[in-house]
Every structure is written in structure tokens, then in C-alpha cells.
Amino acid sequence: MTLSTLDGWKETTMTSELASRGSLFVNMSKGVVRSIGVFVGLHGIAHLVGTSGAFQAADKGEVEEYLGGFWEISDPALLRTVGVVWAVLAVAFLVAAGFMWRNDRRWPSVLGYTAAASLIFTVIGLVPAVFGVVINLGLFAFARVAVPSRSG
């Protein structure tokens, strides 16, 4: 099944797969997607703060608080593992930003999965990462309603 809609002067076709996601679709220009992609890339770089904090705590023998202070991690190996997870999320956001910049049709999926994983991890890191929760919720919602442009 194919649905056709008139978008300005050009016709856009959505497959039944896209139509089955719901009626909330946003068909954005390449410039808008690129602008948001820059924000996504900066958000990825911000995840490196978590990496740095975890590695510094491991090196200094300090304790990092997670889950709003209910879980304290002092084991250096576990702190480094947490730091690596923050770094992997940073790279994933940078990959999503690169896909957005290139207008790669995979960007909504990559951004959605990355934002969901990041949301889970930022909830674990609550208090210092409270702003990340809000940003990740917004990015996840954006990825769920976005339809990549068909133009290259």
C-alpha cells in the first residue's frame, strides 16, 4: 500500500511501513535536519563528560553516585566500564549526527535507538545528568516522528 501526499510543489510517497508508524510524520528539509544534527553531535560530545568523570573517579579512588545517590560505585574497573559506556553513547550520537548531515535514510533509527539507550543510562546517572534526560526524551521523540527527505 502506498500513500501519496502533496508536500509543497513535490509529491512525497510514504510506504505502508512508514504509514503504520502513525499519523505524526515530519518531513523536514535537509537544512533543518543538518541543524538538528549539529545539536545531536554536540550532545554526543557532552556525553564525554560522563566518560571523563568516571575515569577520573577511578584514577583517584573516588566514589561516583548513581540513581540519585542510591548506588555508589567505587570499584575502579566498574567505573572505567561506565566511562566506556558513556564514550560508546557519545560515538553513537556522533554517528547519528553524521547520518543526519549526509541525509542518510538510517538516521531516524540510529538516533532513536541511541537516544533510548542514552535515556536509560542517563536515568542511572541521575542528578548530574538530569538535563540529559530531557534532551534524550526530545531526541527520541524527534526520531520517532521524523521522515528523512528523499532528496540527496
C-alpha atoms as a PDB file:
ATOM      1  CA  MET A   1       0.000   0.000   0.000  1.00  0.00           C
ATOM      2  CA  THR A   2       1.306   3.430  -0.878  1.00  0.00           C
ATOM      3  CA  LEU A   3       0.031   6.761   0.385  1.00  0.00           C
ATOM      4  CA  SER A   4       0.702   9.910  -1.584  1.00  0.00           C
ATOM      5  CA  THR A   5       0.650  13.382  -0.138  1.00  0.00           C
ATOM      6  CA  LEU A   6       1.339  16.751  -1.707  1.00  0.00           C
ATOM      7  CA  ASP A   7       4.247  18.464   0.055  1.00  0.00           C
ATOM      8  CA  GLY A   8       4.568  21.970  -1.339  1.00  0.00           C
ATOM      9  CA  TRP A   9       5.202  21.530  -5.070  1.00  0.00           C
ATOM     10  CA  LYS A  10       6.517  18.000  -4.966  1.00  0.00           C
ATOM     11  CA  GLU A  11       4.796  14.714  -4.344  1.00  0.00           C
ATOM     12  CA  THR A  12       6.047  12.553  -1.461  1.00  0.00           C
ATOM     13  CA  THR A  13       5.236   8.871  -1.246  1.00  0.00           C
ATOM     14  CA  MET A  14       5.119   7.004   2.054  1.00  0.00           C
ATOM     15  CA  THR A  15       5.222   3.236   2.159  1.00  0.00           C
ATOM     16  CA  SER A  16       2.834   1.249   4.329  1.00  0.00           C
ATOM     17  CA  GLU A  17       5.715   0.662   6.740  1.00  0.00           C
ATOM     18  CA  LEU A  18       6.001   4.387   7.391  1.00  0.00           C
ATOM     19  CA  ALA A  19       2.249   4.850   7.401  1.00  0.00           C
ATOM     20  CA  SER A  20       1.879   2.105  10.003  1.00  0.00           C
ATOM     21  CA  ARG A  21       4.023   4.103  12.454  1.00  0.00           C
ATOM     22  CA  GLY A  22       1.165   6.525  12.965  1.00  0.00           C
ATOM     23  CA  SER A  23      -0.031   9.814  11.615  1.00  0.00           C
ATOM     24  CA  LEU A  24       2.617  12.038  13.184  1.00  0.00           C
ATOM     25  CA  PHE A  25       5.243  12.475  10.492  1.00  0.00           C
ATOM     26  CA  VAL A  26       7.510  15.411   9.995  1.00  0.00           C
ATOM     27  CA  ASN A  27       9.031  15.789   6.555  1.00  0.00           C
ATOM     28  CA  MET A  28      11.923  18.193   7.042  1.00  0.00           C
ATOM     29  CA  SER A  29      14.274  19.934   4.698  1.00  0.00           C
ATOM     30  CA  LYS A  30      17.906  18.930   4.557  1.00  0.00           C
ATOM     31  CA  GLY A  31      18.906  22.185   6.246  1.00  0.00           C
ATOM     32  CA  VAL A  32      16.648  21.593   9.236  1.00  0.00           C
ATOM     33  CA  VAL A  33      17.908  18.027   9.637  1.00  0.00           C
ATOM     34  CA  ARG A  34      21.511  19.220   9.385  1.00  0.00           C
ATOM     35  CA  SER A  35      20.923  21.906  12.006  1.00  0.00           C
ATOM     36  CA  ILE A  36      19.446  19.409  14.417  1.00  0.00           C
ATOM     37  CA  GLY A  37      22.287  17.036  13.508  1.00  0.00           C
ATOM     38  CA  VAL A  38      24.793  19.625  14.745  1.00  0.00           C
ATOM     39  CA  PHE A  39      22.924  19.727  18.066  1.00  0.00           C
ATOM     40  CA  VAL A  40      22.942  15.897  18.181  1.00  0.00           C
ATOM     41  CA  GLY A  41      26.711  15.913  17.593  1.00  0.00           C
ATOM     42  CA  LEU A  42      27.241  18.434  20.382  1.00  0.00           C
ATOM     43  CA  HIS A  43      25.064  16.301  22.648  1.00  0.00           C
ATOM     44  CA  GLY A  44      27.315  13.350  21.826  1.00  0.00           C
ATOM     45  CA  ILE A  45      30.383  15.355  22.785  1.00  0.00           C
ATOM     46  CA  ALA A  46      28.649  16.265  26.061  1.00  0.00           C
ATOM     47  CA  HIS A  47      28.470  12.545  26.860  1.00  0.00           C
ATOM     48  CA  LEU A  48      32.253  12.583  27.111  1.00  0.00           C
ATOM     49  CA  VAL A  49      31.826  14.474  30.398  1.00  0.00           C
ATOM     50  CA  GLY A  50      30.466  11.217  31.831  1.00  0.00           C
ATOM     51  CA  THR A  51      33.469   9.356  30.437  1.00  0.00           C
ATOM     52  CA  SER A  52      35.884  11.860  31.918  1.00  0.00           C
ATOM     53  CA  GLY A  53      34.156  11.870  35.313  1.00  0.00           C
ATOM     54  CA  ALA A  54      34.104   8.090  35.583  1.00  0.00           C
ATOM     55  CA  PHE A  55      37.761   7.704  34.569  1.00  0.00           C
ATOM     56  CA  GLN A  56      38.890  10.495  36.909  1.00  0.00           C
ATOM     57  CA  ALA A  57      36.981   8.929  39.809  1.00  0.00           C
ATOM     58  CA  ALA A  58      38.567   5.543  39.029  1.00  0.00           C
ATOM     59  CA  ASP A  59      42.071   7.061  38.920  1.00  0.00           C
ATOM     60  CA  LYS A  60      41.619   8.994  42.181  1.00  0.00           C
ATOM     61  CA  GLY A  61      39.885   6.156  44.038  1.00  0.00           C
ATOM     62  CA  GLU A  62      36.748   8.258  44.453  1.00  0.00           C
ATOM     63  CA  VAL A  63      33.129   7.197  44.607  1.00  0.00           C
ATOM     64  CA  GLU A  64      30.604   8.104  41.883  1.00  0.00           C
ATOM     65  CA  GLU A  65      26.937   8.287  42.813  1.00  0.00           C
ATOM     66  CA  TYR A  66      24.269   6.865  40.510  1.00  0.00           C
ATOM     67  CA  LEU A  67      20.483   6.602  40.717  1.00  0.00           C
ATOM     68  CA  GLY A  68      20.318   9.874  42.579  1.00  0.00           C
ATOM     69  CA  GLY A  69      22.772   8.696  45.249  1.00  0.00           C
ATOM     70  CA  PHE A  70      21.162   5.316  45.908  1.00  0.00           C
ATOM     71  CA  TRP A  71      24.019   3.451  44.189  1.00  0.00           C
ATOM     72  CA  GLU A  72      27.651   4.300  44.818  1.00  0.00           C
ATOM     73  CA  ILE A  73      30.395   2.863  42.633  1.00  0.00           C
ATOM     74  CA  SER A  74      33.923   2.809  43.980  1.00  0.00           C
ATOM     75  CA  ASP A  75      35.373  -0.148  42.066  1.00  0.00           C
ATOM     76  CA  PRO A  76      37.816   1.335  39.519  1.00  0.00           C
ATOM     77  CA  ALA A  77      37.101  -1.385  36.928  1.00  0.00           C
ATOM     78  CA  LEU A  78      33.352  -0.773  37.111  1.00  0.00           C
ATOM     79  CA  LEU A  79      33.881   2.994  36.954  1.00  0.00           C
ATOM     80  CA  ARG A  80      36.005   2.563  33.822  1.00  0.00           C
ATOM     81  CA  THR A  81      33.299   0.337  32.321  1.00  0.00           C
ATOM     82  CA  VAL A  82      30.752   3.076  32.990  1.00  0.00           C
ATOM     83  CA  GLY A  83      33.126   5.541  31.334  1.00  0.00           C
ATOM     84  CA  VAL A  84      33.395   3.325  28.264  1.00  0.00           C
ATOM     85  CA  VAL A  85      29.582   3.132  28.014  1.00  0.00           C
ATOM     86  CA  TRP A  86      29.404   6.945  28.103  1.00  0.00           C
ATOM     87  CA  ALA A  87      32.029   7.030  25.322  1.00  0.00           C
ATOM     88  CA  VAL A  88      30.152   4.480  23.192  1.00  0.00           C
ATOM     89  CA  LEU A  89      26.999   6.587  23.518  1.00  0.00           C
ATOM     90  CA  ALA A  90      28.992   9.676  22.510  1.00  0.00           C
ATOM     91  CA  VAL A  91      30.230   7.909  19.373  1.00  0.00           C
ATOM     92  CA  ALA A  92      26.710   6.663  18.579  1.00  0.00           C
ATOM     93  CA  PHE A  93      25.354  10.229  18.761  1.00  0.00           C
ATOM     94  CA  LEU A  94      28.193  11.404  16.515  1.00  0.00           C
ATOM     95  CA  VAL A  95      27.343   8.645  14.013  1.00  0.00           C
ATOM     96  CA  ALA A  96      23.680   9.719  14.100  1.00  0.00           C
ATOM     97  CA  ALA A  97      24.767  13.331  13.540  1.00  0.00           C
ATOM     98  CA  GLY A  98      26.899  12.247  10.584  1.00  0.00           C
ATOM     99  CA  PHE A  99      23.972  10.335   9.089  1.00  0.00           C
ATOM    100  CA  MET A 100      21.790  13.405   9.553  1.00  0.00           C
ATOM    101  CA  TRP A 101      24.380  15.620   7.857  1.00  0.00           C
ATOM    102  CA  ARG A 102      24.634  13.237   4.884  1.00  0.00           C
ATOM    103  CA  ASN A 103      20.853  12.804   4.771  1.00  0.00           C
ATOM    104  CA  ASP A 104      21.286   9.052   5.189  1.00  0.00           C
ATOM    105  CA  ARG A 105      17.869   7.407   5.481  1.00  0.00           C
ATOM    106  CA  ARG A 106      19.047   5.424   8.520  1.00  0.00           C
ATOM    107  CA  TRP A 107      19.408   8.471  10.747  1.00  0.00           C
ATOM    108  CA  PRO A 108      15.982   8.266  12.462  1.00  0.00           C
ATOM    109  CA  SER A 109      16.634   4.664  13.518  1.00  0.00           C
ATOM    110  CA  VAL A 110      20.176   5.330  14.695  1.00  0.00           C
ATOM    111  CA  LEU A 111      19.112   8.466  16.557  1.00  0.00           C
ATOM    112  CA  GLY A 112      16.081   6.751  18.092  1.00  0.00           C
ATOM    113  CA  TYR A 113      17.999   3.721  19.373  1.00  0.00           C
ATOM    114  CA  THR A 114      20.871   5.869  20.608  1.00  0.00           C
ATOM    115  CA  ALA A 115      18.559   8.299  22.409  1.00  0.00           C
ATOM    116  CA  ALA A 116      16.687   5.386  24.026  1.00  0.00           C
ATOM    117  CA  ALA A 117      19.933   3.760  25.236  1.00  0.00           C
ATOM    118  CA  SER A 118      21.227   7.118  26.402  1.00  0.00           C
ATOM    119  CA  LEU A 119      17.987   7.807  28.233  1.00  0.00           C
ATOM    120  CA  ILE A 120      18.342   4.566  30.173  1.00  0.00           C
ATOM    121  CA  PHE A 121      21.927   5.334  31.040  1.00  0.00           C
ATOM    122  CA  THR A 122      21.285   8.966  31.991  1.00  0.00           C
ATOM    123  CA  VAL A 123      18.479   7.871  34.311  1.00  0.00           C
ATOM    124  CA  ILE A 124      21.045   5.642  36.032  1.00  0.00           C
ATOM    125  CA  GLY A 125      23.380   8.640  36.266  1.00  0.00           C
ATOM    126  CA  LEU A 126      20.650  10.926  37.573  1.00  0.00           C
ATOM    127  CA  VAL A 127      21.324  14.201  39.256  1.00  0.00           C
ATOM    128  CA  PRO A 128      24.358  15.285  37.223  1.00  0.00           C
ATOM    129  CA  ALA A 129      22.689  14.008  34.042  1.00  0.00           C
ATOM    130  CA  VAL A 130      19.189  15.387  34.644  1.00  0.00           C
ATOM    131  CA  PHE A 131      19.428  17.718  31.649  1.00  0.00           C
ATOM    132  CA  GLY A 132      20.475  14.768  29.511  1.00  0.00           C
ATOM    133  CA  VAL A 133      17.211  13.019  30.368  1.00  0.00           C
ATOM    134  CA  VAL A 134      15.208  15.931  28.988  1.00  0.00           C
ATOM    135  CA  ILE A 135      17.387  16.190  25.867  1.00  0.00           C
ATOM    136  CA  ASN A 136      17.244  12.432  25.243  1.00  0.00           C
ATOM    137  CA  LEU A 137      13.451  12.383  25.568  1.00  0.00           C
ATOM    138  CA  GLY A 138      13.238  15.151  22.987  1.00  0.00           C
ATOM    139  CA  LEU A 139      15.673  13.464  20.600  1.00  0.00           C
ATOM    140  CA  PHE A 140      13.874  10.131  20.934  1.00  0.00           C
ATOM    141  CA  ALA A 141      10.507  11.762  20.184  1.00  0.00           C
ATOM    142  CA  PHE A 142      12.015  13.652  17.242  1.00  0.00           C
ATOM    143  CA  ALA A 143      13.485  10.449  15.780  1.00  0.00           C
ATOM    144  CA  ARG A 144      10.147   8.657  16.082  1.00  0.00           C
ATOM    145  CA  VAL A 145       8.206  11.241  14.055  1.00  0.00           C
ATOM    146  CA  ALA A 146      10.858  12.189  11.517  1.00  0.00           C
ATOM    147  CA  VAL A 147      10.742  11.080   7.921  1.00  0.00           C
ATOM    148  CA  PRO A 148      14.043  11.618   6.121  1.00  0.00           C
ATOM    149  CA  SER A 149      13.943  13.698   2.964  1.00  0.00           C
ATOM    150  CA  ARG A 150      14.165  11.748  -0.280  1.00  0.00           C
ATOM    151  CA  SER A 151      16.426  14.334  -1.882  1.00  0.00           C
ATOM    152  CA  GLY A 152      20.182  13.717  -1.711  1.00  0.00           C
END
